[in-house]
């Protein structure tokens, strides 16, 4: 157990954990009205799901019916890569504040649970 106390002691000394432990209301950002960028980011994330596998499947069907396998071989990775770029843009626009708040809250809860501290 001394090893675990040492590990939790070092974790508690980090700036991230000190900040997480001091901010008891880390989820306050979820009660505020989102900025327009957050709505755009969420829309981009949803669009990325439509661009991803459904578009690759559609390219597969087109390649099958036209008899041109290069449509899928080249277009599939390109379209799937594009969906990842759109998803990352959506995360950047819409999720930074919310992801940070959620990670801080989860860090505090996990630290309290596994270090033996009371909730």
PDB file of N, CA and C in Angstrom:
ATOM      1  N   UNK A   1       0.793  -1.205   0.000  1.00  0.00           N
ATOM      2  CA  UNK A   1       0.000   0.000   0.000  1.00  0.00           C
ATOM      3  C   UNK A   1       0.839   1.276   0.000  1.00  0.00           C
ATOM      4  N   UNK A   2       2.084   1.263   0.499  1.00  0.00           N
ATOM      5  CA  UNK A   2       2.868   2.499   0.442  1.00  0.00           C
ATOM      6  C   UNK A   2       3.102   2.969  -0.994  1.00  0.00           C
ATOM      7  N   UNK A   3       3.178   2.023  -1.931  1.00  0.00           N
ATOM      8  CA  UNK A   3       3.387   2.401  -3.328  1.00  0.00           C
ATOM      9  C   UNK A   3       2.172   3.160  -3.849  1.00  0.00           C
ATOM     10  N   UNK A   4       0.974   2.669  -3.522  1.00  0.00           N
ATOM     11  CA  UNK A   4      -0.238   3.344  -3.969  1.00  0.00           C
ATOM     12  C   UNK A   4      -0.366   4.729  -3.355  1.00  0.00           C
ATOM     13  N   UNK A   5      -0.023   4.862  -2.080  1.00  0.00           N
ATOM     14  CA  UNK A   5      -0.077   6.183  -1.447  1.00  0.00           C
ATOM     15  C   UNK A   5       0.888   7.135  -2.116  1.00  0.00           C
ATOM     16  N   UNK A   6       2.045   6.621  -2.496  1.00  0.00           N
ATOM     17  CA  UNK A   6       3.029   7.449  -3.189  1.00  0.00           C
ATOM     18  C   UNK A   6       2.513   7.890  -4.550  1.00  0.00           C
ATOM     19  N   UNK A   7       1.882   6.960  -5.273  1.00  0.00           N
ATOM     20  CA  UNK A   7       1.343   7.284  -6.592  1.00  0.00           C
ATOM     21  C   UNK A   7       0.233   8.319  -6.482  1.00  0.00           C
ATOM     22  N   UNK A   8      -0.694   8.097  -5.537  1.00  0.00           N
ATOM     23  CA  UNK A   8      -1.791   9.050  -5.374  1.00  0.00           C
ATOM     24  C   UNK A   8      -1.280  10.393  -4.854  1.00  0.00           C
ATOM     25  N   UNK A   9      -0.234  10.369  -4.063  1.00  0.00           N
ATOM     26  CA  UNK A   9       0.364  11.624  -3.599  1.00  0.00           C
ATOM     27  C   UNK A   9       0.936  12.424  -4.755  1.00  0.00           C
ATOM     28  N   UNK A  10       1.602  11.741  -5.662  1.00  0.00           N
ATOM     29  CA  UNK A  10       2.164  12.438  -6.834  1.00  0.00           C
ATOM     30  C   UNK A  10       1.060  12.948  -7.756  1.00  0.00           C
ATOM     31  N   UNK A  11       0.009  12.159  -7.906  1.00  0.00           N
ATOM     32  CA  UNK A  11      -1.114  12.607  -8.738  1.00  0.00           C
ATOM     33  C   UNK A  11      -1.764  13.836  -8.118  1.00  0.00           C
ATOM     34  N   UNK A  12      -1.916  13.832  -6.802  1.00  0.00           N
ATOM     35  CA  UNK A  12      -2.543  14.954  -6.118  1.00  0.00           C
ATOM     36  C   UNK A  12      -1.727  16.230  -6.238  1.00  0.00           C
ATOM     37  N   UNK A  13      -0.426  16.118  -6.466  1.00  0.00           N
ATOM     38  CA  UNK A  13       0.434  17.298  -6.584  1.00  0.00           C
ATOM     39  C   UNK A  13       0.368  17.953  -7.955  1.00  0.00           C
ATOM     40  N   UNK A  14      -0.202  17.270  -8.949  1.00  0.00           N
ATOM     41  CA  UNK A  14      -0.242  17.855 -10.284  1.00  0.00           C
ATOM     42  C   UNK A  14      -1.225  19.021 -10.324  1.00  0.00           C
ATOM     43  N   UNK A  15      -0.954  19.960 -11.211  1.00  0.00           N
ATOM     44  CA  UNK A  15      -1.821  21.135 -11.347  1.00  0.00           C
ATOM     45  C   UNK A  15      -3.225  20.719 -11.794  1.00  0.00           C
ATOM     46  N   UNK A  16      -3.308  19.730 -12.683  1.00  0.00           N
ATOM     47  CA  UNK A  16      -4.615  19.275 -13.160  1.00  0.00           C
ATOM     48  C   UNK A  16      -5.470  18.764 -12.000  1.00  0.00           C
ATOM     49  N   UNK A  17      -4.882  17.932 -11.129  1.00  0.00           N
ATOM     50  CA  UNK A  17      -5.670  17.356 -10.042  1.00  0.00           C
ATOM     51  C   UNK A  17      -5.992  18.410  -8.983  1.00  0.00           C
ATOM     52  N   UNK A  18      -5.062  19.302  -8.702  1.00  0.00           N
ATOM     53  CA  UNK A  18      -5.363  20.381  -7.741  1.00  0.00           C
ATOM     54  C   UNK A  18      -6.530  21.215  -8.241  1.00  0.00           C
ATOM     55  N   UNK A  19      -6.531  21.518  -9.527  1.00  0.00           N
ATOM     56  CA  UNK A  19      -7.618  22.295 -10.106  1.00  0.00           C
ATOM     57  C   UNK A  19      -8.925  21.506 -10.082  1.00  0.00           C
ATOM     58  N   UNK A  20      -8.855  20.218 -10.398  1.00  0.00           N
ATOM     59  CA  UNK A  20     -10.056  19.376 -10.392  1.00  0.00           C
ATOM     60  C   UNK A  20     -10.637  19.248  -8.983  1.00  0.00           C
ATOM     61  N   UNK A  21      -9.785  19.130  -7.994  1.00  0.00           N
ATOM     62  CA  UNK A  21     -10.261  18.971  -6.623  1.00  0.00           C
ATOM     63  C   UNK A  21     -10.828  20.284  -6.063  1.00  0.00           C
ATOM     64  N   UNK A  22     -10.309  21.418  -6.519  1.00  0.00           N
ATOM     65  CA  UNK A  22     -10.783  22.699  -5.984  1.00  0.00           C
ATOM     66  C   UNK A  22     -12.085  23.146  -6.636  1.00  0.00           C
ATOM     67  N   UNK A  23     -12.336  22.714  -7.867  1.00  0.00           N
ATOM     68  CA  UNK A  23     -13.542  23.129  -8.576  1.00  0.00           C
ATOM     69  C   UNK A  23     -14.625  22.070  -8.394  1.00  0.00           C
ATOM     70  N   UNK A  24     -15.451  22.245  -7.378  1.00  0.00           N
ATOM     71  CA  UNK A  24     -16.484  21.254  -7.073  1.00  0.00           C
ATOM     72  C   UNK A  24     -17.624  21.285  -8.092  1.00  0.00           C
ATOM     73  N   UNK A  25     -17.771  22.401  -8.791  1.00  0.00           N
ATOM     74  CA  UNK A  25     -18.850  22.520  -9.769  1.00  0.00           C
ATOM     75  C   UNK A  25     -18.267  22.603 -11.174  1.00  0.00           C
ATOM     76  N   UNK A  26     -17.542  21.580 -11.557  1.00  0.00           N
ATOM     77  CA  UNK A  26     -16.886  21.574 -12.867  1.00  0.00           C
ATOM     78  C   UNK A  26     -17.900  21.473 -14.005  1.00  0.00           C
ATOM     79  N   UNK A  27     -19.071  20.973 -13.721  1.00  0.00           N
ATOM     80  CA  UNK A  27     -20.068  20.767 -14.774  1.00  0.00           C
ATOM     81  C   UNK A  27     -20.960  21.981 -14.997  1.00  0.00           C
ATOM     82  N   UNK A  28     -20.581  23.138 -14.469  1.00  0.00           N
ATOM     83  CA  UNK A  28     -21.401  24.341 -14.623  1.00  0.00           C
ATOM     84  C   UNK A  28     -21.545  24.754 -16.086  1.00  0.00           C
ATOM     85  N   UNK A  29     -20.589  24.403 -16.936  1.00  0.00           N
ATOM     86  CA  UNK A  29     -20.672  24.776 -18.350  1.00  0.00           C
ATOM     87  C   UNK A  29     -21.854  24.114 -19.048  1.00  0.00           C
ATOM     88  N   UNK A  30     -22.344  22.998 -18.518  1.00  0.00           N
ATOM     89  CA  UNK A  30     -23.479  22.326 -19.128  1.00  0.00           C
ATOM     90  C   UNK A  30     -24.797  23.014 -18.807  1.00  0.00           C
ATOM     91  N   UNK A  31     -24.803  23.917 -17.840  1.00  0.00           N
ATOM     92  CA  UNK A  31     -26.005  24.666 -17.495  1.00  0.00           C
ATOM     93  C   UNK A  31     -26.088  25.992 -18.231  1.00  0.00           C
ATOM     94  N   UNK A  32     -24.995  26.401 -18.868  1.00  0.00           N
ATOM     95  CA  UNK A  32     -24.977  27.655 -19.612  1.00  0.00           C
ATOM     96  C   UNK A  32     -25.441  27.420 -21.043  1.00  0.00           C
ATOM     97  N   UNK A  33     -25.898  28.506 -21.675  1.00  0.00           N
ATOM     98  CA  UNK A  33     -26.306  28.401 -23.073  1.00  0.00           C
ATOM     99  C   UNK A  33     -25.061  28.237 -23.938  1.00  0.00           C
ATOM    100  N   UNK A  34     -25.064  27.239 -24.828  1.00  0.00           N
ATOM    101  CA  UNK A  34     -23.888  27.019 -25.678  1.00  0.00           C
ATOM    102  C   UNK A  34     -23.670  28.160 -26.666  1.00  0.00           C
ATOM    103  N   UNK A  35     -22.432  28.374 -27.011  1.00  0.00           N
ATOM    104  CA  UNK A  35     -22.069  29.374 -28.010  1.00  0.00           C
ATOM    105  C   UNK A  35     -22.461  28.854 -29.389  1.00  0.00           C
ATOM    106  N   UNK A  36     -22.610  29.752 -30.363  1.00  0.00           N
ATOM    107  CA  UNK A  36     -22.932  29.291 -31.728  1.00  0.00           C
ATOM    108  C   UNK A  36     -21.899  28.302 -32.280  1.00  0.00           C
ATOM    109  N   UNK A  37     -20.650  28.459 -31.904  1.00  0.00           N
ATOM    110  CA  UNK A  37     -19.616  27.527 -32.370  1.00  0.00           C
ATOM    111  C   UNK A  37     -19.893  26.113 -31.885  1.00  0.00           C
ATOM    112  N   UNK A  38     -20.484  25.975 -30.704  1.00  0.00           N
ATOM    113  CA  UNK A  38     -20.806  24.643 -30.183  1.00  0.00           C
ATOM    114  C   UNK A  38     -21.871  23.979 -31.048  1.00  0.00           C
ATOM    115  N   UNK A  39     -22.858  24.749 -31.494  1.00  0.00           N
ATOM    116  CA  UNK A  39     -23.885  24.186 -32.367  1.00  0.00           C
ATOM    117  C   UNK A  39     -23.290  23.770 -33.709  1.00  0.00           C
ATOM    118  N   UNK A  40     -22.402  24.600 -34.237  1.00  0.00           N
ATOM    119  CA  UNK A  40     -21.738  24.258 -35.497  1.00  0.00           C
ATOM    120  C   UNK A  40     -20.899  23.001 -35.319  1.00  0.00           C
ATOM    121  N   UNK A  41     -20.192  22.912 -34.191  1.00  0.00           N
ATOM    122  CA  UNK A  41     -19.376  21.740 -33.914  1.00  0.00           C
ATOM    123  C   UNK A  41     -20.198  20.468 -33.812  1.00  0.00           C
ATOM    124  N   UNK A  42     -21.334  20.544 -33.131  1.00  0.00           N
ATOM    125  CA  UNK A  42     -22.209  19.378 -33.015  1.00  0.00           C
ATOM    126  C   UNK A  42     -22.741  18.976 -34.385  1.00  0.00           C
ATOM    127  N   UNK A  43     -23.100  19.966 -35.207  1.00  0.00           N
ATOM    128  CA  UNK A  43     -23.575  19.660 -36.559  1.00  0.00           C
ATOM    129  C   UNK A  43     -22.475  18.978 -37.377  1.00  0.00           C
ATOM    130  N   UNK A  44     -21.245  19.461 -37.251  1.00  0.00           N
ATOM    131  CA  UNK A  44     -20.138  18.831 -37.982  1.00  0.00           C
ATOM    132  C   UNK A  44     -19.904  17.398 -37.519  1.00  0.00           C
ATOM    133  N   UNK A  45     -20.028  17.162 -36.231  1.00  0.00           N
ATOM    134  CA  UNK A  45     -19.863  15.801 -35.712  1.00  0.00           C
ATOM    135  C   UNK A  45     -20.939  14.884 -36.294  1.00  0.00           C
ATOM    136  N   UNK A  46     -22.169  15.359 -36.320  1.00  0.00           N
ATOM    137  CA  UNK A  46     -23.254  14.542 -36.889  1.00  0.00           C
ATOM    138  C   UNK A  46     -23.044  14.301 -38.382  1.00  0.00           C
ATOM    139  N   UNK A  47     -22.586  15.322 -39.095  1.00  0.00           N
ATOM    140  CA  UNK A  47     -22.321  15.168 -40.520  1.00  0.00           C
ATOM    141  C   UNK A  47     -21.200  14.154 -40.749  1.00  0.00           C
ATOM    142  N   UNK A  48     -20.218  14.147 -39.869  1.00  0.00           N
ATOM    143  CA  UNK A  48     -19.103  13.218 -40.044  1.00  0.00           C
ATOM    144  C   UNK A  48     -19.563  11.768 -39.964  1.00  0.00           C
ATOM    145  N   UNK A  49     -20.591  11.504 -39.159  1.00  0.00           N
ATOM    146  CA  UNK A  49     -21.108  10.141 -39.083  1.00  0.00           C
ATOM    147  C   UNK A  49     -21.789   9.735 -40.387  1.00  0.00           C
ATOM    148  N   UNK A  50     -22.429  10.682 -41.044  1.00  0.00           N
ATOM    149  CA  UNK A  50     -23.069  10.399 -42.324  1.00  0.00           C
ATOM    150  C   UNK A  50     -22.015  10.221 -43.409  1.00  0.00           C
ATOM    151  N   UNK A  51     -20.943  10.984 -43.325  1.00  0.00           N
ATOM    152  CA  UNK A  51     -19.880  10.887 -44.324  1.00  0.00           C
ATOM    153  C   UNK A  51     -19.112   9.575 -44.166  1.00  0.00           C
ATOM    154  N   UNK A  52     -18.964   9.085 -42.960  1.00  0.00           N
ATOM    155  CA  UNK A  52     -18.117   7.922 -42.683  1.00  0.00           C
ATOM    156  C   UNK A  52     -18.525   6.652 -43.395  1.00  0.00           C
ATOM    157  N   UNK A  53     -18.951   5.664 -42.637  1.00  0.00           N
ATOM    158  CA  UNK A  53     -19.239   4.339 -43.201  1.00  0.00           C
ATOM    159  C   UNK A  53     -20.389   4.326 -44.189  1.00  0.00           C
ATOM    160  N   UNK A  54     -21.457   5.091 -44.010  1.00  0.00           N
ATOM    161  CA  UNK A  54     -22.506   5.055 -45.034  1.00  0.00           C
ATOM    162  C   UNK A  54     -22.002   5.481 -46.420  1.00  0.00           C
ATOM    163  N   UNK A  55     -21.148   6.500 -46.450  1.00  0.00           N
ATOM    164  CA  UNK A  55     -20.608   6.938 -47.741  1.00  0.00           C
ATOM    165  C   UNK A  55     -19.683   5.871 -48.332  1.00  0.00           C
ATOM    166  N   UNK A  56     -18.914   5.206 -47.500  1.00  0.00           N
ATOM    167  CA  UNK A  56     -18.046   4.137 -47.984  1.00  0.00           C
ATOM    168  C   UNK A  56     -18.900   2.990 -48.522  1.00  0.00           C
ATOM    169  N   UNK A  57     -19.981   2.663 -47.827  1.00  0.00           N
ATOM    170  CA  UNK A  57     -20.881   1.606 -48.311  1.00  0.00           C
ATOM    171  C   UNK A  57     -21.516   1.994 -49.646  1.00  0.00           C
ATOM    172  N   UNK A  58     -21.896   3.260 -49.773  1.00  0.00           N
ATOM    173  CA  UNK A  58     -22.462   3.734 -51.030  1.00  0.00           C
ATOM    174  C   UNK A  58     -21.429   3.648 -52.158  1.00  0.00           C
ATOM    175  N   UNK A  59     -20.194   4.007 -51.867  1.00  0.00           N
ATOM    176  CA  UNK A  59     -19.130   3.866 -52.864  1.00  0.00           C
ATOM    177  C   UNK A  59     -18.928   2.400 -53.238  1.00  0.00           C
ATOM    178  N   UNK A  60     -19.067   1.507 -52.265  1.00  0.00           N
ATOM    179  CA  UNK A  60     -18.961   0.075 -52.537  1.00  0.00           C
ATOM    180  C   UNK A  60     -20.042  -0.396 -53.488  1.00  0.00           C
ATOM    181  N   UNK A  61     -21.265   0.082 -53.270  1.00  0.00           N
ATOM    182  CA  UNK A  61     -22.361  -0.281 -54.168  1.00  0.00           C
ATOM    183  C   UNK A  61     -22.128   0.260 -55.578  1.00  0.00           C
ATOM    184  N   UNK A  62     -21.691   1.510 -55.639  1.00  0.00           N
ATOM    185  CA  UNK A  62     -21.412   2.108 -56.949  1.00  0.00           C
ATOM    186  C   UNK A  62     -20.302   1.334 -57.646  1.00  0.00           C
ATOM    187  N   UNK A  63     -19.265   0.976 -56.912  1.00  0.00           N
ATOM    188  CA  UNK A  63     -18.153   0.221 -57.497  1.00  0.00           C
ATOM    189  C   UNK A  63     -18.629  -1.154 -57.972  1.00  0.00           C
ATOM    190  N   UNK A  64     -19.522  -1.765 -57.224  1.00  0.00           N
ATOM    191  CA  UNK A  64     -20.027  -3.088 -57.598  1.00  0.00           C
ATOM    192  C   UNK A  64     -20.864  -3.015 -58.874  1.00  0.00           C
ATOM    193  N   UNK A  65     -21.798  -2.061 -58.914  1.00  0.00           N
ATOM    194  CA  UNK A  65     -22.698  -1.988 -60.067  1.00  0.00           C
ATOM    195  C   UNK A  65     -22.021  -1.446 -61.323  1.00  0.00           C
ATOM    196  N   UNK A  66     -20.978  -0.626 -61.176  1.00  0.00           N
ATOM    197  CA  UNK A  66     -20.275  -0.118 -62.357  1.00  0.00           C
ATOM    198  C   UNK A  66     -19.135  -1.033 -62.783  1.00  0.00           C
ATOM    199  N   UNK A  67     -18.731  -1.936 -61.919  1.00  0.00           N
ATOM    200  CA  UNK A  67     -17.632  -2.829 -62.239  1.00  0.00           C
ATOM    201  C   UNK A  67     -16.267  -2.157 -62.145  1.00  0.00           C
ATOM    202  N   UNK A  68     -16.201  -1.047 -61.444  1.00  0.00           N
ATOM    203  CA  UNK A  68     -14.948  -0.294 -61.266  1.00  0.00           C
ATOM    204  C   UNK A  68     -14.524  -0.360 -59.800  1.00  0.00           C
ATOM    205  N   UNK A  69     -13.680  -1.320 -59.424  1.00  0.00           N
ATOM    206  CA  UNK A  69     -13.283  -1.460 -58.022  1.00  0.00           C
ATOM    207  C   UNK A  69     -12.427  -0.299 -57.515  1.00  0.00           C
ATOM    208  N   UNK A  70     -11.825   0.466 -58.419  1.00  0.00           N
ATOM    209  CA  UNK A  70     -11.011   1.600 -57.977  1.00  0.00           C
ATOM    210  C   UNK A  70     -11.854   2.698 -57.324  1.00  0.00           C
ATOM    211  N   UNK A  71     -13.138   2.725 -57.650  1.00  0.00           N
ATOM    212  CA  UNK A  71     -14.016   3.703 -57.001  1.00  0.00           C
ATOM    213  C   UNK A  71     -13.992   3.493 -55.495  1.00  0.00           C
ATOM    214  N   UNK A  72     -14.071   2.245 -55.080  1.00  0.00           N
ATOM    215  CA  UNK A  72     -14.032   1.932 -53.649  1.00  0.00           C
ATOM    216  C   UNK A  72     -12.606   1.951 -53.114  1.00  0.00           C
ATOM    217  N   UNK A  73     -11.661   1.431 -53.891  1.00  0.00           N
ATOM    218  CA  UNK A  73     -10.276   1.331 -53.421  1.00  0.00           C
ATOM    219  C   UNK A  73      -9.654   2.695 -53.174  1.00  0.00           C
ATOM    220  N   UNK A  74     -10.005   3.667 -53.989  1.00  0.00           N
ATOM    221  CA  UNK A  74      -9.443   5.011 -53.813  1.00  0.00           C
ATOM    222  C   UNK A  74     -10.418   5.912 -53.060  1.00  0.00           C
ATOM    223  N   UNK A  75     -11.683   5.859 -53.446  1.00  0.00           N
ATOM    224  CA  UNK A  75     -12.675   6.748 -52.840  1.00  0.00           C
ATOM    225  C   UNK A  75     -12.996   6.423 -51.397  1.00  0.00           C
ATOM    226  N   UNK A  76     -12.974   5.144 -51.040  1.00  0.00           N
ATOM    227  CA  UNK A  76     -13.301   4.750 -49.663  1.00  0.00           C
ATOM    228  C   UNK A  76     -12.384   5.376 -48.630  1.00  0.00           C
ATOM    229  N   UNK A  77     -11.058   5.189 -48.755  1.00  0.00           N
ATOM    230  CA  UNK A  77     -10.161   5.821 -47.778  1.00  0.00           C
ATOM    231  C   UNK A  77     -10.209   7.342 -47.801  1.00  0.00           C
ATOM    232  N   UNK A  78     -10.408   7.919 -48.985  1.00  0.00           N
ATOM    233  CA  UNK A  78     -10.475   9.382 -49.072  1.00  0.00           C
ATOM    234  C   UNK A  78     -11.704   9.906 -48.332  1.00  0.00           C
ATOM    235  N   UNK A  79     -12.848   9.290 -48.588  1.00  0.00           N
ATOM    236  CA  UNK A  79     -14.091   9.719 -47.940  1.00  0.00           C
ATOM    237  C   UNK A  79     -14.021   9.466 -46.432  1.00  0.00           C
ATOM    238  N   UNK A  80     -13.468   8.333 -46.043  1.00  0.00           N
ATOM    239  CA  UNK A  80     -13.368   8.029 -44.610  1.00  0.00           C
ATOM    240  C   UNK A  80     -12.400   8.988 -43.915  1.00  0.00           C
ATOM    241  N   UNK A  81     -11.304   9.313 -44.579  1.00  0.00           N
ATOM    242  CA  UNK A  81     -10.370  10.303 -44.024  1.00  0.00           C
ATOM    243  C   UNK A  81     -11.021  11.668 -43.908  1.00  0.00           C
ATOM    244  N   UNK A  82     -11.821  12.029 -44.896  1.00  0.00           N
ATOM    245  CA  UNK A  82     -12.549  13.297 -44.840  1.00  0.00           C
ATOM    246  C   UNK A  82     -13.504  13.316 -43.650  1.00  0.00           C
ATOM    247  N   UNK A  83     -14.151  12.191 -43.390  1.00  0.00           N
ATOM    248  CA  UNK A  83     -15.077  12.147 -42.251  1.00  0.00           C
ATOM    249  C   UNK A  83     -14.324  12.357 -40.935  1.00  0.00           C
ATOM    250  N   UNK A  84     -13.105  11.850 -40.837  1.00  0.00           N
ATOM    251  CA  UNK A  84     -12.310  12.091 -39.625  1.00  0.00           C
ATOM    252  C   UNK A  84     -11.938  13.562 -39.488  1.00  0.00           C
ATOM    253  N   UNK A  85     -11.592  14.195 -40.579  1.00  0.00           N
ATOM    254  CA  UNK A  85     -11.263  15.624 -40.527  1.00  0.00           C
ATOM    255  C   UNK A  85     -12.470  16.462 -40.108  1.00  0.00           C
ATOM    256  N   UNK A  86     -13.643  16.125 -40.637  1.00  0.00           N
ATOM    257  CA  UNK A  86     -14.865  16.835 -40.263  1.00  0.00           C
ATOM    258  C   UNK A  86     -15.174  16.596 -38.788  1.00  0.00           C
ATOM    259  N   UNK A  87     -14.986  15.373 -38.315  1.00  0.00           N
ATOM    260  CA  UNK A  87     -15.219  15.057 -36.907  1.00  0.00           C
ATOM    261  C   UNK A  87     -14.278  15.853 -36.005  1.00  0.00           C
ATOM    262  N   UNK A  88     -12.992  15.916 -36.375  1.00  0.00           N
ATOM    263  CA  UNK A  88     -12.034  16.668 -35.556  1.00  0.00           C
ATOM    264  C   UNK A  88     -12.347  18.160 -35.557  1.00  0.00           C
ATOM    265  N   UNK A  89     -12.800  18.691 -36.688  1.00  0.00           N
ATOM    266  CA  UNK A  89     -13.197  20.094 -36.730  1.00  0.00           C
ATOM    267  C   UNK A  89     -14.395  20.332 -35.809  1.00  0.00           C
ATOM    268  N   UNK A  90     -15.332  19.388 -35.808  1.00  0.00           N
ATOM    269  CA  UNK A  90     -16.486  19.499 -34.912  1.00  0.00           C
ATOM    270  C   UNK A  90     -16.087  19.448 -33.450  1.00  0.00           C
ATOM    271  N   UNK A  91     -15.146  18.569 -33.114  1.00  0.00           N
ATOM    272  CA  UNK A  91     -14.663  18.509 -31.730  1.00  0.00           C
ATOM    273  C   UNK A  91     -13.979  19.808 -31.342  1.00  0.00           C
ATOM    274  N   UNK A  92     -13.196  20.353 -32.259  1.00  0.00           N
ATOM    275  CA  UNK A  92     -12.488  21.593 -31.962  1.00  0.00           C
ATOM    276  C   UNK A  92     -13.468  22.734 -31.732  1.00  0.00           C
ATOM    277  N   UNK A  93     -14.477  22.840 -32.576  1.00  0.00           N
ATOM    278  CA  UNK A  93     -15.429  23.940 -32.446  1.00  0.00           C
ATOM    279  C   UNK A  93     -16.398  23.755 -31.286  1.00  0.00           C
ATOM    280  N   UNK A  94     -16.894  22.570 -31.119  1.00  0.00           N
ATOM    281  CA  UNK A  94     -17.979  22.389 -30.174  1.00  0.00           C
ATOM    282  C   UNK A  94     -17.646  21.736 -28.865  1.00  0.00           C
ATOM    283  N   UNK A  95     -16.529  21.046 -28.790  1.00  0.00           N
ATOM    284  CA  UNK A  95     -16.357  20.209 -27.632  1.00  0.00           C
ATOM    285  C   UNK A  95     -15.275  20.559 -26.650  1.00  0.00           C
ATOM    286  N   UNK A  96     -14.442  21.538 -26.937  1.00  0.00           N
ATOM    287  CA  UNK A  96     -13.287  21.771 -26.078  1.00  0.00           C
ATOM    288  C   UNK A  96     -13.693  22.113 -24.642  1.00  0.00           C
ATOM    289  N   UNK A  97     -14.578  23.078 -24.478  1.00  0.00           N
ATOM    290  CA  UNK A  97     -15.004  23.461 -23.126  1.00  0.00           C
ATOM    291  C   UNK A  97     -15.696  22.324 -22.397  1.00  0.00           C
ATOM    292  N   UNK A  98     -16.564  21.638 -23.119  1.00  0.00           N
ATOM    293  CA  UNK A  98     -17.367  20.588 -22.507  1.00  0.00           C
ATOM    294  C   UNK A  98     -16.529  19.350 -22.202  1.00  0.00           C
ATOM    295  N   UNK A  99     -15.634  19.018 -23.102  1.00  0.00           N
ATOM    296  CA  UNK A  99     -14.761  17.868 -22.865  1.00  0.00           C
ATOM    297  C   UNK A  99     -13.838  18.125 -21.680  1.00  0.00           C
ATOM    298  N   UNK A 100     -13.318  19.342 -21.570  1.00  0.00           N
ATOM    299  CA  UNK A 100     -12.437  19.675 -20.443  1.00  0.00           C
ATOM    300  C   UNK A 100     -13.201  19.608 -19.120  1.00  0.00           C
ATOM    301  N   UNK A 101     -14.415  20.129 -19.100  1.00  0.00           N
ATOM    302  CA  UNK A 101     -15.217  20.099 -17.871  1.00  0.00           C
ATOM    303  C   UNK A 101     -15.558  18.664 -17.482  1.00  0.00           C
ATOM    304  N   UNK A 102     -15.924  17.852 -18.457  1.00  0.00           N
ATOM    305  CA  UNK A 102     -16.262  16.463 -18.172  1.00  0.00           C
ATOM    306  C   UNK A 102     -15.041  15.684 -17.705  1.00  0.00           C
ATOM    307  N   UNK A 103     -13.887  15.921 -18.318  1.00  0.00           N
ATOM    308  CA  UNK A 103     -12.660  15.233 -17.914  1.00  0.00           C
ATOM    309  C   UNK A 103     -12.249  15.640 -16.502  1.00  0.00           C
ATOM    310  N   UNK A 104     -12.415  16.910 -16.169  1.00  0.00           N
ATOM    311  CA  UNK A 104     -12.070  17.383 -14.829  1.00  0.00           C
ATOM    312  C   UNK A 104     -12.983  16.741 -13.785  1.00  0.00           C
ATOM    313  N   UNK A 105     -14.262  16.693 -14.057  1.00  0.00           N
ATOM    314  CA  UNK A 105     -15.215  16.088 -13.137  1.00  0.00           C
ATOM    315  C   UNK A 105     -14.907  14.589 -12.965  1.00  0.00           C
ATOM    316  N   UNK A 106     -14.656  13.896 -14.087  1.00  0.00           N
ATOM    317  CA  UNK A 106     -14.367  12.462 -14.024  1.00  0.00           C
ATOM    318  C   UNK A 106     -13.054  12.197 -13.287  1.00  0.00           C
ATOM    319  N   UNK A 107     -12.068  13.051 -13.477  1.00  0.00           N
ATOM    320  CA  UNK A 107     -10.786  12.896 -12.774  1.00  0.00           C
ATOM    321  C   UNK A 107     -10.981  13.019 -11.273  1.00  0.00           C
ATOM    322  N   UNK A 108     -11.764  14.014 -10.870  1.00  0.00           N
ATOM    323  CA  UNK A 108     -12.009  14.210  -9.438  1.00  0.00           C
ATOM    324  C   UNK A 108     -12.733  13.009  -8.838  1.00  0.00           C
ATOM    325  N   UNK A 109     -13.770  12.522  -9.533  1.00  0.00           N
ATOM    326  CA  UNK A 109     -14.529  11.377  -9.028  1.00  0.00           C
ATOM    327  C   UNK A 109     -13.650  10.124  -8.940  1.00  0.00           C
ATOM    328  N   UNK A 110     -12.874   9.864  -9.984  1.00  0.00           N
ATOM    329  CA  UNK A 110     -12.014   8.673  -9.995  1.00  0.00           C
ATOM    330  C   UNK A 110     -10.935   8.772  -8.927  1.00  0.00           C
ATOM    331  N   UNK A 111     -10.353   9.950  -8.749  1.00  0.00           N
ATOM    332  CA  UNK A 111      -9.316  10.113  -7.743  1.00  0.00           C
ATOM    333  C   UNK A 111      -9.878   9.877  -6.340  1.00  0.00           C
ATOM    334  N   UNK A 112     -11.042  10.442  -6.081  1.00  0.00           N
ATOM    335  CA  UNK A 112     -11.676  10.242  -4.767  1.00  0.00           C
ATOM    336  C   UNK A 112     -11.996   8.766  -4.530  1.00  0.00           C
ATOM    337  N   UNK A 113     -12.502   8.104  -5.557  1.00  0.00           N
ATOM    338  CA  UNK A 113     -12.896   6.714  -5.402  1.00  0.00           C
ATOM    339  C   UNK A 113     -11.698   5.812  -5.161  1.00  0.00           C
ATOM    340  N   UNK A 114     -10.664   5.963  -5.963  1.00  0.00           N
ATOM    341  CA  UNK A 114      -9.547   5.030  -5.895  1.00  0.00           C
ATOM    342  C   UNK A 114      -8.481   5.410  -4.885  1.00  0.00           C
ATOM    343  N   UNK A 115      -8.529   6.641  -4.390  1.00  0.00           N
ATOM    344  CA  UNK A 115      -7.552   7.014  -3.363  1.00  0.00           C
ATOM    345  C   UNK A 115      -8.101   6.774  -1.964  1.00  0.00           C
ATOM    346  N   UNK A 116      -9.386   6.448  -1.877  1.00  0.00           N
ATOM    347  CA  UNK A 116      -9.970   6.181  -0.569  1.00  0.00           C
ATOM    348  C   UNK A 116     -10.577   7.409   0.083  1.00  0.00           C
ATOM    349  N   UNK A 117     -10.600   8.524  -0.610  1.00  0.00           N
ATOM    350  CA  UNK A 117     -11.186   9.742  -0.053  1.00  0.00           C
ATOM    351  C   UNK A 117     -12.699   9.621  -0.087  1.00  0.00           C
ATOM    352  N   UNK A 118     -13.367  10.306   0.813  1.00  0.00           N
ATOM    353  CA  UNK A 118     -14.839  10.299   0.845  1.00  0.00           C
ATOM    354  C   UNK A 118     -15.359  11.161  -0.297  1.00  0.00           C
ATOM    355  N   UNK A 119     -16.514  10.773  -0.873  1.00  0.00           N
ATOM    356  CA  UNK A 119     -17.098  11.559  -1.972  1.00  0.00           C
ATOM    357  C   UNK A 119     -17.646  12.811  -1.487  1.00  0.00           C
TER     358      UNK A 119
END
